[in-house]
PDB file of N, CA and C in Angstrom:
ATOM      1  N   UNK A   1      35.232 -26.513  20.556  1.00  0.00           N
ATOM      2  CA  UNK A   1      34.735 -26.922  19.337  1.00  0.00           C
ATOM      3  C   UNK A   1      34.923 -28.059  18.737  1.00  0.00           C
ATOM      4  N   UNK A   2      35.654 -28.653  19.157  1.00  0.00           N
ATOM      5  CA  UNK A   2      36.406 -30.374  18.979  1.00  0.00           C
ATOM      6  C   UNK A   2      34.998 -31.033  19.811  1.00  0.00           C
ATOM      7  N   UNK A   3      34.987 -31.109  20.938  1.00  0.00           N
ATOM      8  CA  UNK A   3      33.822 -31.355  21.436  1.00  0.00           C
ATOM      9  C   UNK A   3      32.418 -31.579  20.596  1.00  0.00           C
ATOM     10  N   UNK A   4      32.210 -30.535  20.516  1.00  0.00           N
ATOM     11  CA  UNK A   4      31.066 -30.294  19.489  1.00  0.00           C
ATOM     12  C   UNK A   4      31.095 -31.034  18.107  1.00  0.00           C
ATOM     13  N   UNK A   5      31.798 -30.943  17.390  1.00  0.00           N
ATOM     14  CA  UNK A   5      32.086 -31.639  16.573  1.00  0.00           C
ATOM     15  C   UNK A   5      32.009 -33.378  16.747  1.00  0.00           C
ATOM     16  N   UNK A   6      32.861 -33.459  17.762  1.00  0.00           N
ATOM     17  CA  UNK A   6      32.639 -35.016  17.841  1.00  0.00           C
ATOM     18  C   UNK A   6      31.233 -35.470  18.304  1.00  0.00           C
ATOM     19  N   UNK A   7      30.518 -34.865  19.134  1.00  0.00           N
ATOM     20  CA  UNK A   7      29.362 -34.942  19.906  1.00  0.00           C
ATOM     21  C   UNK A   7      28.363 -35.062  18.143  1.00  0.00           C
ATOM     22  N   UNK A   8      28.688 -34.241  17.575  1.00  0.00           N
ATOM     23  CA  UNK A   8      27.687 -34.062  16.085  1.00  0.00           C
ATOM     24  C   UNK A   8      27.906 -35.109  15.387  1.00  0.00           C
ATOM     25  N   UNK A   9      29.314 -35.283  15.205  1.00  0.00           N
ATOM     26  CA  UNK A   9      29.493 -36.722  14.562  1.00  0.00           C
ATOM     27  C   UNK A   9      28.703 -38.119  14.941  1.00  0.00           C
ATOM     28  N   UNK A  10      28.776 -38.288  16.124  1.00  0.00           N
ATOM     29  CA  UNK A  10      28.087 -39.057  17.237  1.00  0.00           C
ATOM     30  C   UNK A  10      26.768 -39.313  16.741  1.00  0.00           C
ATOM     31  N   UNK A  11      25.969 -38.196  17.137  1.00  0.00           N
ATOM     32  CA  UNK A  11      24.785 -37.941  16.929  1.00  0.00           C
ATOM     33  C   UNK A  11      24.423 -38.228  15.161  1.00  0.00           C
ATOM     34  N   UNK A  12      25.183 -37.829  14.867  1.00  0.00           N
ATOM     35  CA  UNK A  12      24.386 -38.226  13.543  1.00  0.00           C
ATOM     36  C   UNK A  12      24.640 -39.651  12.935  1.00  0.00           C
ATOM     37  N   UNK A  13      25.969 -40.379  13.380  1.00  0.00           N
ATOM     38  CA  UNK A  13      26.121 -41.531  13.098  1.00  0.00           C
ATOM     39  C   UNK A  13      25.187 -42.770  13.530  1.00  0.00           C
ATOM     40  N   UNK A  14      24.591 -42.213  14.452  1.00  0.00           N
ATOM     41  CA  UNK A  14      23.643 -43.192  15.805  1.00  0.00           C
ATOM     42  C   UNK A  14      22.526 -43.879  14.781  1.00  0.00           C
ATOM     43  N   UNK A  15      21.631 -44.908  14.928  1.00  0.00           N
ATOM     44  CA  UNK A  15      21.130 -45.859  14.097  1.00  0.00           C
ATOM     45  C   UNK A  15      19.856 -44.668  14.270  1.00  0.00           C
ATOM     46  N   UNK A  16      19.081 -44.472  13.391  1.00  0.00           N
ATOM     47  CA  UNK A  16      17.857 -44.002  13.206  1.00  0.00           C
ATOM     48  C   UNK A  16      17.037 -44.455  14.372  1.00  0.00           C
ATOM     49  N   UNK A  17      15.997 -43.601  15.340  1.00  0.00           N
ATOM     50  CA  UNK A  17      15.180 -44.287  16.360  1.00  0.00           C
ATOM     51  C   UNK A  17      15.813 -44.650  17.393  1.00  0.00           C
ATOM     52  N   UNK A  18      17.156 -44.128  17.649  1.00  0.00           N
ATOM     53  CA  UNK A  18      17.995 -44.546  18.606  1.00  0.00           C
ATOM     54  C   UNK A  18      18.816 -43.069  19.294  1.00  0.00           C
ATOM     55  N   UNK A  19      18.951 -41.869  18.241  1.00  0.00           N
ATOM     56  CA  UNK A  19      19.746 -41.251  18.504  1.00  0.00           C
ATOM     57  C   UNK A  19      19.141 -39.858  19.801  1.00  0.00           C
ATOM     58  N   UNK A  20      18.102 -39.609  19.734  1.00  0.00           N
ATOM     59  CA  UNK A  20      17.842 -38.878  20.917  1.00  0.00           C
ATOM     60  C   UNK A  20      17.891 -39.873  22.624  1.00  0.00           C
ATOM     61  N   UNK A  21      17.695 -41.010  22.471  1.00  0.00           N
ATOM     62  CA  UNK A  21      17.886 -41.976  23.988  1.00  0.00           C
ATOM     63  C   UNK A  21      19.078 -41.918  23.865  1.00  0.00           C
ATOM     64  N   UNK A  22      19.878 -41.994  22.992  1.00  0.00           N
ATOM     65  CA  UNK A  22      21.311 -41.830  23.493  1.00  0.00           C
ATOM     66  C   UNK A  22      21.562 -40.537  24.082  1.00  0.00           C
ATOM     67  N   UNK A  23      21.227 -39.759  23.095  1.00  0.00           N
ATOM     68  CA  UNK A  23      21.602 -38.519  24.134  1.00  0.00           C
ATOM     69  C   UNK A  23      21.326 -38.304  25.584  1.00  0.00           C
ATOM     70  N   UNK A  24      19.684 -38.718  25.696  1.00  0.00           N
ATOM     71  CA  UNK A  24      19.681 -38.508  27.110  1.00  0.00           C
ATOM     72  C   UNK A  24      20.274 -39.508  28.024  1.00  0.00           C
ATOM     73  N   UNK A  25      20.505 -40.686  27.317  1.00  0.00           N
ATOM     74  CA  UNK A  25      21.329 -41.470  28.347  1.00  0.00           C
ATOM     75  C   UNK A  25      22.852 -40.740  28.768  1.00  0.00           C
ATOM     76  N   UNK A  26      23.009 -40.388  27.690  1.00  0.00           N
ATOM     77  CA  UNK A  26      24.516 -39.700  27.973  1.00  0.00           C
ATOM     78  C   UNK A  26      24.359 -38.550  28.765  1.00  0.00           C
ATOM     79  N   UNK A  27      23.591 -37.479  28.816  1.00  0.00           N
ATOM     80  CA  UNK A  27      23.557 -37.023  29.810  1.00  0.00           C
ATOM     81  C   UNK A  27      23.274 -37.253  30.938  1.00  0.00           C
ATOM     82  N   UNK A  28      22.389 -38.267  31.550  1.00  0.00           N
ATOM     83  CA  UNK A  28      22.199 -38.843  32.669  1.00  0.00           C
ATOM     84  C   UNK A  28      22.946 -39.434  33.338  1.00  0.00           C
ATOM     85  N   UNK A  29      24.112 -40.118  32.305  1.00  0.00           N
ATOM     86  CA  UNK A  29      25.080 -40.921  32.906  1.00  0.00           C
ATOM     87  C   UNK A  29      26.216 -39.581  33.241  1.00  0.00           C
ATOM     88  N   UNK A  30      26.248 -38.534  32.745  1.00  0.00           N
ATOM     89  CA  UNK A  30      27.308 -37.278  32.827  1.00  0.00           C
ATOM     90  C   UNK A  30      26.526 -36.987  34.152  1.00  0.00           C
ATOM     91  N   UNK A  31      25.322 -37.030  34.361  1.00  0.00           N
ATOM     92  CA  UNK A  31      24.956 -36.243  35.668  1.00  0.00           C
ATOM     93  C   UNK A  31      25.158 -37.004  36.677  1.00  0.00           C
ATOM     94  N   UNK A  32      25.154 -38.614  36.575  1.00  0.00           N
ATOM     95  CA  UNK A  32      25.031 -39.655  37.923  1.00  0.00           C
ATOM     96  C   UNK A  32      26.714 -39.458  38.086  1.00  0.00           C
ATOM     97  N   UNK A  33      27.580 -39.478  37.237  1.00  0.00           N
ATOM     98  CA  UNK A  33      28.984 -39.034  37.650  1.00  0.00           C
ATOM     99  C   UNK A  33      29.576 -38.032  38.257  1.00  0.00           C
ATOM    100  N   UNK A  34      28.402 -36.859  37.946  1.00  0.00           N
ATOM    101  CA  UNK A  34      29.047 -35.270  38.526  1.00  0.00           C
ATOM    102  C   UNK A  34      29.634 -34.731  37.526  1.00  0.00           C
ATOM    103  N   UNK A  35      29.437 -34.789  36.571  1.00  0.00           N
ATOM    104  CA  UNK A  35      30.329 -34.346  35.723  1.00  0.00           C
ATOM    105  C   UNK A  35      29.575 -32.456  35.706  1.00  0.00           C
ATOM    106  N   UNK A  36      30.292 -31.598  35.352  1.00  0.00           N
ATOM    107  CA  UNK A  36      29.946 -30.409  34.833  1.00  0.00           C
ATOM    108  C   UNK A  36      29.134 -29.803  33.471  1.00  0.00           C
ATOM    109  N   UNK A  37      27.856 -30.068  33.921  1.00  0.00           N
ATOM    110  CA  UNK A  37      27.013 -29.655  32.526  1.00  0.00           C
ATOM    111  C   UNK A  37      26.349 -27.995  32.667  1.00  0.00           C
ATOM    112  N   UNK A  38      25.792 -27.888  31.302  1.00  0.00           N
ATOM    113  CA  UNK A  38      24.721 -27.063  31.668  1.00  0.00           C
ATOM    114  C   UNK A  38      23.949 -27.034  32.170  1.00  0.00           C
ATOM    115  N   UNK A  39      23.438 -25.943  33.265  1.00  0.00           N
ATOM    116  CA  UNK A  39      22.307 -26.144  33.907  1.00  0.00           C
ATOM    117  C   UNK A  39      21.273 -26.630  33.592  1.00  0.00           C
ATOM    118  N   UNK A  40      20.357 -27.578  33.898  1.00  0.00           N
ATOM    119  CA  UNK A  40      18.700 -27.943  33.341  1.00  0.00           C
ATOM    120  C   UNK A  40      18.204 -26.640  33.301  1.00  0.00           C
ATOM    121  N   UNK A  41      17.903 -25.430  33.855  1.00  0.00           N
ATOM    122  CA  UNK A  41      17.043 -24.274  34.058  1.00  0.00           C
ATOM    123  C   UNK A  41      17.723 -23.525  32.234  1.00  0.00           C
ATOM    124  N   UNK A  42      18.813 -23.888  32.283  1.00  0.00           N
ATOM    125  CA  UNK A  42      19.650 -23.200  31.087  1.00  0.00           C
ATOM    126  C   UNK A  42      19.296 -23.789  30.346  1.00  0.00           C
ATOM    127  N   UNK A  43      19.069 -24.823  29.438  1.00  0.00           N
ATOM    128  CA  UNK A  43      18.750 -25.877  28.645  1.00  0.00           C
ATOM    129  C   UNK A  43      17.603 -25.720  28.238  1.00  0.00           C
ATOM    130  N   UNK A  44      16.561 -25.510  29.312  1.00  0.00           N
ATOM    131  CA  UNK A  44      15.032 -25.738  29.141  1.00  0.00           C
ATOM    132  C   UNK A  44      15.102 -24.245  28.800  1.00  0.00           C
ATOM    133  N   UNK A  45      15.785 -22.853  29.127  1.00  0.00           N
ATOM    134  CA  UNK A  45      15.403 -21.476  29.218  1.00  0.00           C
ATOM    135  C   UNK A  45      16.220 -21.344  27.139  1.00  0.00           C
ATOM    136  N   UNK A  46      16.725 -22.293  26.684  1.00  0.00           N
ATOM    137  CA  UNK A  46      17.415 -22.563  25.491  1.00  0.00           C
ATOM    138  C   UNK A  46      16.559 -22.750  24.483  1.00  0.00           C
ATOM    139  N   UNK A  47      15.733 -23.752  25.176  1.00  0.00           N
ATOM    140  CA  UNK A  47      14.918 -24.943  24.333  1.00  0.00           C
ATOM    141  C   UNK A  47      13.492 -23.975  24.072  1.00  0.00           C
ATOM    142  N   UNK A  48      13.081 -23.318  25.283  1.00  0.00           N
ATOM    143  CA  UNK A  48      12.139 -22.299  24.765  1.00  0.00           C
ATOM    144  C   UNK A  48      12.507 -20.607  24.062  1.00  0.00           C
ATOM    145  N   UNK A  49      13.704 -20.333  24.379  1.00  0.00           N
ATOM    146  CA  UNK A  49      13.973 -19.276  23.344  1.00  0.00           C
ATOM    147  C   UNK A  49      13.472 -19.939  21.953  1.00  0.00           C
ATOM    148  N   UNK A  50      14.339 -21.256  21.584  1.00  0.00           N
ATOM    149  CA  UNK A  50      13.934 -22.067  20.156  1.00  0.00           C
ATOM    150  C   UNK A  50      12.637 -22.150  19.880  1.00  0.00           C
ATOM    151  N   UNK A  51      11.694 -22.330  20.778  1.00  0.00           N
ATOM    152  CA  UNK A  51      10.600 -22.401  20.066  1.00  0.00           C
ATOM    153  C   UNK A  51       9.753 -21.098  19.758  1.00  0.00           C
ATOM    154  N   UNK A  52      10.077 -19.977  20.924  1.00  0.00           N
ATOM    155  CA  UNK A  52       9.572 -18.805  20.789  1.00  0.00           C
ATOM    156  C   UNK A  52      10.201 -18.156  19.317  1.00  0.00           C
ATOM    157  N   UNK A  53      11.300 -18.320  18.660  1.00  0.00           N
ATOM    158  CA  UNK A  53      11.698 -18.050  17.438  1.00  0.00           C
ATOM    159  C   UNK A  53      11.198 -18.654  16.365  1.00  0.00           C
ATOM    160  N   UNK A  54      11.181 -20.202  16.561  1.00  0.00           N
ATOM    161  CA  UNK A  54      10.172 -20.936  15.334  1.00  0.00           C
ATOM    162  C   UNK A  54       9.391 -20.590  15.210  1.00  0.00           C
ATOM    163  N   UNK A  55       8.237 -19.950  15.826  1.00  0.00           N
ATOM    164  CA  UNK A  55       6.850 -19.685  15.840  1.00  0.00           C
ATOM    165  C   UNK A  55       6.433 -18.682  14.804  1.00  0.00           C
ATOM    166  N   UNK A  56       7.233 -17.252  14.816  1.00  0.00           N
ATOM    167  CA  UNK A  56       6.716 -16.590  13.620  1.00  0.00           C
ATOM    168  C   UNK A  56       7.741 -17.124  12.172  1.00  0.00           C
ATOM    169  N   UNK A  57       8.385 -17.801  12.658  1.00  0.00           N
ATOM    170  CA  UNK A  57       9.257 -18.400  11.306  1.00  0.00           C
ATOM    171  C   UNK A  57       8.148 -19.361  10.672  1.00  0.00           C
ATOM    172  N   UNK A  58       7.598 -19.867  11.043  1.00  0.00           N
ATOM    173  CA  UNK A  58       6.462 -20.970  10.824  1.00  0.00           C
ATOM    174  C   UNK A  58       6.022 -20.619   8.796  1.00  0.00           C
ATOM    175  N   UNK A  59       6.252 -18.912   9.375  1.00  0.00           N
ATOM    176  CA  UNK A  59       5.016 -18.750   8.024  1.00  0.00           C
ATOM    177  C   UNK A  59       5.833 -18.920   6.931  1.00  0.00           C
ATOM    178  N   UNK A  60       7.397 -18.781   6.890  1.00  0.00           N
ATOM    179  CA  UNK A  60       8.236 -19.059   5.739  1.00  0.00           C
ATOM    180  C   UNK A  60       8.582 -20.372   5.549  1.00  0.00           C
ATOM    181  N   UNK A  61       8.559 -21.193   4.254  1.00  0.00           N
ATOM    182  CA  UNK A  61       9.187 -22.717   4.431  1.00  0.00           C
ATOM    183  C   UNK A  61      10.509 -22.281   4.934  1.00  0.00           C
ATOM    184  N   UNK A  62      11.150 -23.447   5.706  1.00  0.00           N
ATOM    185  CA  UNK A  62      12.281 -23.957   5.756  1.00  0.00           C
ATOM    186  C   UNK A  62      12.879 -23.209   7.332  1.00  0.00           C
ATOM    187  N   UNK A  63      12.783 -22.048   7.672  1.00  0.00           N
ATOM    188  CA  UNK A  63      13.933 -22.000   8.560  1.00  0.00           C
ATOM    189  C   UNK A  63      13.324 -22.116   9.845  1.00  0.00           C
ATOM    190  N   UNK A  64      12.328 -22.338  10.125  1.00  0.00           N
ATOM    191  CA  UNK A  64      11.469 -22.958  11.603  1.00  0.00           C
ATOM    192  C   UNK A  64      11.999 -24.350  11.758  1.00  0.00           C
ATOM    193  N   UNK A  65      12.312 -25.322  10.895  1.00  0.00           N
ATOM    194  CA  UNK A  65      12.569 -26.019  11.117  1.00  0.00           C
ATOM    195  C   UNK A  65      13.931 -26.258  11.968  1.00  0.00           C
ATOM    196  N   UNK A  66      14.809 -25.728  11.677  1.00  0.00           N
ATOM    197  CA  UNK A  66      16.183 -25.566  12.641  1.00  0.00           C
ATOM    198  C   UNK A  66      16.283 -25.183  13.802  1.00  0.00           C
ATOM    199  N   UNK A  67      15.363 -23.932  14.127  1.00  0.00           N
ATOM    200  CA  UNK A  67      14.838 -24.010  15.679  1.00  0.00           C
ATOM    201  C   UNK A  67      13.765 -24.786  16.413  1.00  0.00           C
ATOM    202  N   UNK A  68      12.801 -25.794  15.437  1.00  0.00           N
ATOM    203  CA  UNK A  68      12.303 -26.771  16.461  1.00  0.00           C
ATOM    204  C   UNK A  68      13.304 -27.788  16.566  1.00  0.00           C
ATOM    205  N   UNK A  69      14.301 -28.216  15.335  1.00  0.00           N
ATOM    206  CA  UNK A  69      14.924 -29.126  15.801  1.00  0.00           C
ATOM    207  C   UNK A  69      16.155 -28.810  17.057  1.00  0.00           C
ATOM    208  N   UNK A  70      16.512 -27.503  17.382  1.00  0.00           N
ATOM    209  CA  UNK A  70      17.155 -27.508  18.261  1.00  0.00           C
ATOM    210  C   UNK A  70      16.358 -27.717  19.339  1.00  0.00           C
ATOM    211  N   UNK A  71      15.131 -27.213  19.715  1.00  0.00           N
ATOM    212  CA  UNK A  71      14.295 -27.198  20.614  1.00  0.00           C
ATOM    213  C   UNK A  71      14.421 -29.049  20.988  1.00  0.00           C
ATOM    214  N   UNK A  72      13.737 -29.683  19.906  1.00  0.00           N
ATOM    215  CA  UNK A  72      13.925 -30.607  20.261  1.00  0.00           C
ATOM    216  C   UNK A  72      14.774 -31.719  20.929  1.00  0.00           C
ATOM    217  N   UNK A  73      16.028 -31.078  20.278  1.00  0.00           N
ATOM    218  CA  UNK A  73      17.170 -31.840  20.680  1.00  0.00           C
ATOM    219  C   UNK A  73      17.691 -31.518  22.126  1.00  0.00           C
ATOM    220  N   UNK A  74      17.554 -30.064  22.328  1.00  0.00           N
ATOM    221  CA  UNK A  74      17.783 -29.697  23.545  1.00  0.00           C
ATOM    222  C   UNK A  74      17.126 -30.282  24.932  1.00  0.00           C
ATOM    223  N   UNK A  75      15.752 -30.457  24.383  1.00  0.00           N
ATOM    224  CA  UNK A  75      14.966 -31.126  25.496  1.00  0.00           C
ATOM    225  C   UNK A  75      15.041 -32.713  25.681  1.00  0.00           C
ATOM    226  N   UNK A  76      15.325 -33.069  24.424  1.00  0.00           N
ATOM    227  CA  UNK A  76      15.330 -35.176  24.541  1.00  0.00           C
ATOM    228  C   UNK A  76      17.009 -35.226  25.502  1.00  0.00           C
ATOM    229  N   UNK A  77      17.800 -34.183  26.011  1.00  0.00           N
ATOM    230  CA  UNK A  77      18.653 -34.288  26.639  1.00  0.00           C
ATOM    231  C   UNK A  77      18.166 -34.806  28.093  1.00  0.00           C
ATOM    232  N   UNK A  78      17.014 -33.802  28.176  1.00  0.00           N
ATOM    233  CA  UNK A  78      16.524 -33.547  29.887  1.00  0.00           C
ATOM    234  C   UNK A  78      15.551 -34.483  30.179  1.00  0.00           C
ATOM    235  N   UNK A  79      14.658 -35.058  29.175  1.00  0.00           N
ATOM    236  CA  UNK A  79      13.151 -35.725  28.916  1.00  0.00           C
ATOM    237  C   UNK A  79      13.296 -37.255  28.732  1.00  0.00           C
ATOM    238  N   UNK A  80      13.280 -38.170  29.123  1.00  0.00           N
ATOM    239  CA  UNK A  80      13.334 -39.507  28.612  1.00  0.00           C
ATOM    240  C   UNK A  80      12.246 -39.804  27.647  1.00  0.00           C
ATOM    241  N   UNK A  81      11.082 -39.251  28.073  1.00  0.00           N
ATOM    242  CA  UNK A  81       9.606 -38.976  26.977  1.00  0.00           C
ATOM    243  C   UNK A  81       9.760 -38.036  25.852  1.00  0.00           C
ATOM    244  N   UNK A  82      10.763 -37.273  25.933  1.00  0.00           N
ATOM    245  CA  UNK A  82      10.945 -36.148  24.858  1.00  0.00           C
ATOM    246  C   UNK A  82      11.549 -37.176  24.014  1.00  0.00           C
ATOM    247  N   UNK A  83      12.785 -37.798  24.777  1.00  0.00           N
ATOM    248  CA  UNK A  83      13.963 -38.461  23.543  1.00  0.00           C
ATOM    249  C   UNK A  83      13.106 -39.299  22.931  1.00  0.00           C
ATOM    250  N   UNK A  84      12.306 -40.208  23.471  1.00  0.00           N
ATOM    251  CA  UNK A  84      11.528 -41.533  23.017  1.00  0.00           C
ATOM    252  C   UNK A  84      10.439 -41.177  21.836  1.00  0.00           C
ATOM    253  N   UNK A  85       9.809 -39.767  22.530  1.00  0.00           N
ATOM    254  CA  UNK A  85       9.129 -39.236  21.204  1.00  0.00           C
ATOM    255  C   UNK A  85       9.494 -39.187  20.106  1.00  0.00           C
ATOM    256  N   UNK A  86      10.625 -38.018  20.021  1.00  0.00           N
ATOM    257  CA  UNK A  86      11.526 -37.771  18.786  1.00  0.00           C
ATOM    258  C   UNK A  86      12.126 -38.734  17.963  1.00  0.00           C
ATOM    259  N   UNK A  87      12.747 -39.530  18.792  1.00  0.00           N
ATOM    260  CA  UNK A  87      13.125 -41.174  17.798  1.00  0.00           C
ATOM    261  C   UNK A  87      12.205 -41.929  17.102  1.00  0.00           C
ATOM    262  N   UNK A  88      10.679 -41.801  17.836  1.00  0.00           N
ATOM    263  CA  UNK A  88       9.483 -42.315  17.214  1.00  0.00           C
ATOM    264  C   UNK A  88       9.343 -41.290  15.914  1.00  0.00           C
ATOM    265  N   UNK A  89       9.298 -40.436  16.208  1.00  0.00           N
ATOM    266  CA  UNK A  89       8.969 -39.099  15.080  1.00  0.00           C
ATOM    267  C   UNK A  89       9.504 -39.459  13.648  1.00  0.00           C
ATOM    268  N   UNK A  90      10.994 -39.583  14.198  1.00  0.00           N
ATOM    269  CA  UNK A  90      12.391 -39.760  13.114  1.00  0.00           C
ATOM    270  C   UNK A  90      11.990 -40.929  12.307  1.00  0.00           C
ATOM    271  N   UNK A  91      11.513 -41.652  13.366  1.00  0.00           N
ATOM    272  CA  UNK A  91      11.305 -43.362  11.829  1.00  0.00           C
ATOM    273  C   UNK A  91      10.220 -43.457  11.503  1.00  0.00           C
ATOM    274  N   UNK A  92       8.902 -42.321  12.038  1.00  0.00           N
ATOM    275  CA  UNK A  92       7.842 -41.917  11.028  1.00  0.00           C
ATOM    276  C   UNK A  92       8.101 -41.139   9.741  1.00  0.00           C
ATOM    277  N   UNK A  93       8.806 -39.774   9.993  1.00  0.00           N
ATOM    278  CA  UNK A  93       9.334 -39.339   9.061  1.00  0.00           C
ATOM    279  C   UNK A  93       9.913 -39.954   8.155  1.00  0.00           C
ATOM    280  N   UNK A  94      11.118 -40.532   8.505  1.00  0.00           N
ATOM    281  CA  UNK A  94      12.182 -41.275   7.230  1.00  0.00           C
ATOM    282  C   UNK A  94      10.717 -42.327   6.353  1.00  0.00           C
ATOM    283  N   UNK A  95      10.031 -42.775   7.133  1.00  0.00           N
ATOM    284  CA  UNK A  95       9.042 -43.606   6.446  1.00  0.00           C
ATOM    285  C   UNK A  95       8.249 -43.340   5.637  1.00  0.00           C
ATOM    286  N   UNK A  96       7.853 -42.297   5.761  1.00  0.00           N
ATOM    287  CA  UNK A  96       6.770 -41.343   5.044  1.00  0.00           C
ATOM    288  C   UNK A  96       8.047 -40.639   3.632  1.00  0.00           C
ATOM    289  N   UNK A  97       9.120 -40.522   4.067  1.00  0.00           N
ATOM    290  CA  UNK A  97      10.052 -39.800   2.953  1.00  0.00           C
ATOM    291  C   UNK A  97      10.629 -40.945   1.977  1.00  0.00           C
ATOM    292  N   UNK A  98      10.560 -42.070   2.723  1.00  0.00           N
ATOM    293  CA  UNK A  98      11.128 -43.546   1.805  1.00  0.00           C
ATOM    294  C   UNK A  98       9.689 -43.722   0.778  1.00  0.00           C
ATOM    295  N   UNK A  99       8.697 -43.545   1.131  1.00  0.00           N
ATOM    296  CA  UNK A  99       7.202 -43.646   0.660  1.00  0.00           C
ATOM    297  C   UNK A  99       7.002 -42.767  -0.520  1.00  0.00           C
ATOM    298  N   UNK A 100       7.404 -41.656   0.176  1.00  0.00           N
ATOM    299  CA  UNK A 100       7.478 -40.414  -0.909  1.00  0.00           C
ATOM    300  C   UNK A 100       8.274 -40.617  -2.292  1.00  0.00           C
ATOM    301  N   UNK A 101       9.364 -40.765  -1.930  1.00  0.00           N
ATOM    302  CA  UNK A 101      10.204 -41.330  -3.044  1.00  0.00           C
ATOM    303  C   UNK A 101      10.294 -42.046  -4.051  1.00  0.00           C
ATOM    304  N   UNK A 102       9.706 -43.317  -3.234  1.00  0.00           N
ATOM    305  CA  UNK A 102       9.269 -44.322  -4.219  1.00  0.00           C
ATOM    306  C   UNK A 102       8.039 -44.223  -5.498  1.00  0.00           C
ATOM    307  N   UNK A 103       6.767 -43.635  -4.266  1.00  0.00           N
ATOM    308  CA  UNK A 103       6.113 -42.992  -5.705  1.00  0.00           C
ATOM    309  C   UNK A 103       6.407 -42.177  -6.486  1.00  0.00           C
ATOM    310  N   UNK A 104       7.430 -41.387  -6.182  1.00  0.00           N
ATOM    311  CA  UNK A 104       8.038 -40.542  -7.192  1.00  0.00           C
ATOM    312  C   UNK A 104       8.950 -41.087  -7.732  1.00  0.00           C
ATOM    313  N   UNK A 105      10.005 -41.970  -7.628  1.00  0.00           N
ATOM    314  CA  UNK A 105      10.429 -42.635  -8.756  1.00  0.00           C
ATOM    315  C   UNK A 105       9.493 -43.279  -9.974  1.00  0.00           C
ATOM    316  N   UNK A 106       8.438 -43.664  -9.223  1.00  0.00           N
ATOM    317  CA  UNK A 106       7.394 -44.752 -10.046  1.00  0.00           C
ATOM    318  C   UNK A 106       6.748 -44.164 -11.007  1.00  0.00           C
ATOM    319  N   UNK A 107       6.252 -42.568 -10.840  1.00  0.00           N
ATOM    320  CA  UNK A 107       5.904 -41.810 -11.300  1.00  0.00           C
ATOM    321  C   UNK A 107       6.702 -41.122 -12.815  1.00  0.00           C
ATOM    322  N   UNK A 108       8.274 -40.519 -12.066  1.00  0.00           N
ATOM    323  CA  UNK A 108       8.833 -40.122 -12.687  1.00  0.00           C
ATOM    324  C   UNK A 108       8.842 -40.652 -14.606  1.00  0.00           C
ATOM    325  N   UNK A 109       8.737 -41.696 -14.993  1.00  0.00           N
ATOM    326  CA  UNK A 109       8.949 -42.256 -16.359  1.00  0.00           C
ATOM    327  C   UNK A 109       7.709 -41.631 -17.172  1.00  0.00           C
ATOM    328  N   UNK A 110       6.731 -42.000 -16.068  1.00  0.00           N
ATOM    329  CA  UNK A 110       5.360 -41.808 -16.839  1.00  0.00           C
ATOM    330  C   UNK A 110       5.341 -39.874 -17.569  1.00  0.00           C
ATOM    331  N   UNK A 111       5.828 -39.652 -16.668  1.00  0.00           N
ATOM    332  CA  UNK A 111       5.787 -38.066 -16.766  1.00  0.00           C
ATOM    333  C   UNK A 111       6.591 -37.679 -17.856  1.00  0.00           C
ATOM    334  N   UNK A 112       7.748 -38.259 -17.893  1.00  0.00           N
ATOM    335  CA  UNK A 112       8.716 -38.015 -19.259  1.00  0.00           C
ATOM    336  C   UNK A 112       7.934 -38.391 -20.617  1.00  0.00           C
ATOM    337  N   UNK A 113       7.598 -39.407 -20.494  1.00  0.00           N
ATOM    338  CA  UNK A 113       6.937 -39.520 -21.900  1.00  0.00           C
ATOM    339  C   UNK A 113       5.594 -38.871 -22.510  1.00  0.00           C
ATOM    340  N   UNK A 114       4.835 -38.111 -21.676  1.00  0.00           N
ATOM    341  CA  UNK A 114       4.021 -36.992 -22.251  1.00  0.00           C
ATOM    342  C   UNK A 114       5.041 -35.663 -22.785  1.00  0.00           C
TER     343      UNK A 114
END
């Protein structure tokens, strides 16, 4: 459990746009050193299971995001392309989030005057 907490802290504290590539590099280094990791088929199977769970949950707001995130996280450790794509997506989502919050902050005082 301590390893998971340490890993999650490192993942969370990494710079946006670098998190998933760091995960991929970390797994690649461990594979190169011959460390025992969960097998690639098991990781891919868990990612596939997460996608299968996420699909029907998409009709409800919220719960599917957790499973999509888990699938992406697992796949980013196995594929450099997925890691780069998720880092790019993270930056785009953060940019859109900041824009939305800025527009909302500018609009809020006008709504209070009504």
